[in-house]
């Protein structure tokens, strides 16, 4: 995978997207995880090239991991969620 992006959509939602570098021989299932306070948490899986991770903390830096099928981690990306509007 390449061009992995983490785009904050709100103070609690981040959209993770990527481009595939090869044509998978079978239907690819992508698994997305994120690191928070030194713990790895599961965001979800998809057959698409993007996913929304929800229930995140406002203005927090997250490291996201994207994995194809049962392979090892293929790509990572880091970004902050937006600040919570009630604190602005």
Protein backbone atom coordinates (compact mmCIF):
# COMPACT_ATOMS: atom_id res chain seq x y z
CA UNK A 1 0.00 0.00 0.00
CA UNK A 2 1.07 3.59 -0.51
CA UNK A 3 -0.15 7.14 -0.01
CA UNK A 4 -1.72 6.27 3.35
CA UNK A 5 -3.55 9.26 4.81
CA UNK A 6 -5.23 10.03 8.12
CA UNK A 7 -7.69 12.88 7.63
CA UNK A 8 -9.45 14.26 10.73
CA UNK A 9 -13.18 14.63 10.09
CA UNK A 10 -14.04 15.84 13.59
CA UNK A 11 -12.67 15.80 17.12
CA UNK A 12 -13.59 12.10 17.40
CA UNK A 13 -13.46 10.73 13.83
CA UNK A 14 -10.51 10.08 11.52
CA UNK A 15 -10.71 8.73 7.97
CA UNK A 16 -7.86 6.44 7.01
CA UNK A 17 -7.34 5.89 3.27
CA UNK A 18 -4.70 4.31 1.05
CA UNK A 19 -3.86 3.17 -2.47
CA UNK A 20 -3.07 -0.41 -3.35
CA UNK A 21 0.34 -1.04 -4.90
CA UNK A 22 -0.60 -4.39 -6.44
CA UNK A 23 -3.64 -6.24 -7.66
CA UNK A 24 -4.51 -8.84 -5.01
CA UNK A 25 -5.08 -12.38 -6.29
CA UNK A 26 -8.19 -12.64 -4.08
CA UNK A 27 -10.53 -10.16 -2.43
CA UNK A 28 -8.40 -8.07 -0.09
CA UNK A 29 -9.65 -7.41 3.41
CA UNK A 30 -7.91 -4.52 5.15
CA UNK A 31 -7.63 -4.36 8.93
CA UNK A 32 -6.98 -1.01 10.63
CA UNK A 33 -5.61 -0.55 14.14
CA UNK A 34 -4.48 2.49 16.09
CA UNK A 35 -2.18 3.12 18.99
CA UNK A 36 -3.49 5.06 21.98
CA UNK A 37 -1.64 5.38 25.29
CA UNK A 38 0.73 2.58 24.31
CA UNK A 39 -2.19 0.21 23.63
CA UNK A 40 -3.11 -1.18 20.23
CA UNK A 41 -6.83 -0.89 19.49
CA UNK A 42 -8.88 -2.22 16.60
CA UNK A 43 -10.66 0.28 14.34
CA UNK A 44 -12.25 -2.25 11.98
CA UNK A 45 -11.94 -3.98 8.64
CA UNK A 46 -13.06 -3.22 5.12
CA UNK A 47 -12.74 -4.35 1.52
CA UNK A 48 -12.68 -0.69 0.43
CA UNK A 49 -9.60 1.57 0.37
CA UNK A 50 -10.73 3.71 3.33
CA UNK A 51 -12.35 3.42 6.73
CA UNK A 52 -13.55 5.80 9.45
CA UNK A 53 -12.21 5.29 12.96
CA UNK A 54 -14.68 6.66 15.51
CA UNK A 55 -14.88 7.37 19.24
CA UNK A 56 -11.40 8.88 19.30
CA UNK A 57 -10.23 11.54 21.75
CA UNK A 58 -10.16 15.23 20.72
CA UNK A 59 -6.81 16.80 19.73
CA UNK A 60 -4.92 13.54 20.21
CA UNK A 61 -2.08 12.22 18.07
CA UNK A 62 -2.84 8.70 16.82
CA UNK A 63 -0.66 6.22 14.95
CA UNK A 64 -2.73 4.08 12.57
CA UNK A 65 -1.71 0.71 11.14
CA UNK A 66 -3.18 -0.82 7.98
CA UNK A 67 -2.82 -4.54 7.29
CA UNK A 68 -3.92 -6.49 4.20
CA UNK A 69 -5.54 -9.92 4.80
CA UNK A 70 -3.35 -11.93 7.18
CA UNK A 71 -0.10 -10.19 6.22
CA UNK A 72 2.08 -8.26 8.61
CA UNK A 73 1.47 -4.51 8.96
CA UNK A 74 1.82 -2.97 5.52
CA UNK A 75 1.59 0.75 6.24
CA UNK A 76 1.37 3.32 9.02
CA UNK A 77 0.31 6.95 9.27
CA UNK A 78 0.10 9.47 12.12
CA UNK A 79 -2.12 12.51 12.69
CA UNK A 80 -4.05 14.51 15.30
CA UNK A 81 -7.83 14.53 15.64
CA UNK A 82 -9.42 18.00 15.61
CA UNK A 83 -9.89 20.00 18.78
CA UNK A 84 -13.29 19.70 20.40
CA UNK A 85 -15.38 22.75 19.46
CA UNK A 86 -16.66 23.21 23.01
CA UNK A 87 -13.09 24.07 24.09
CA UNK A 88 -12.50 26.68 21.36
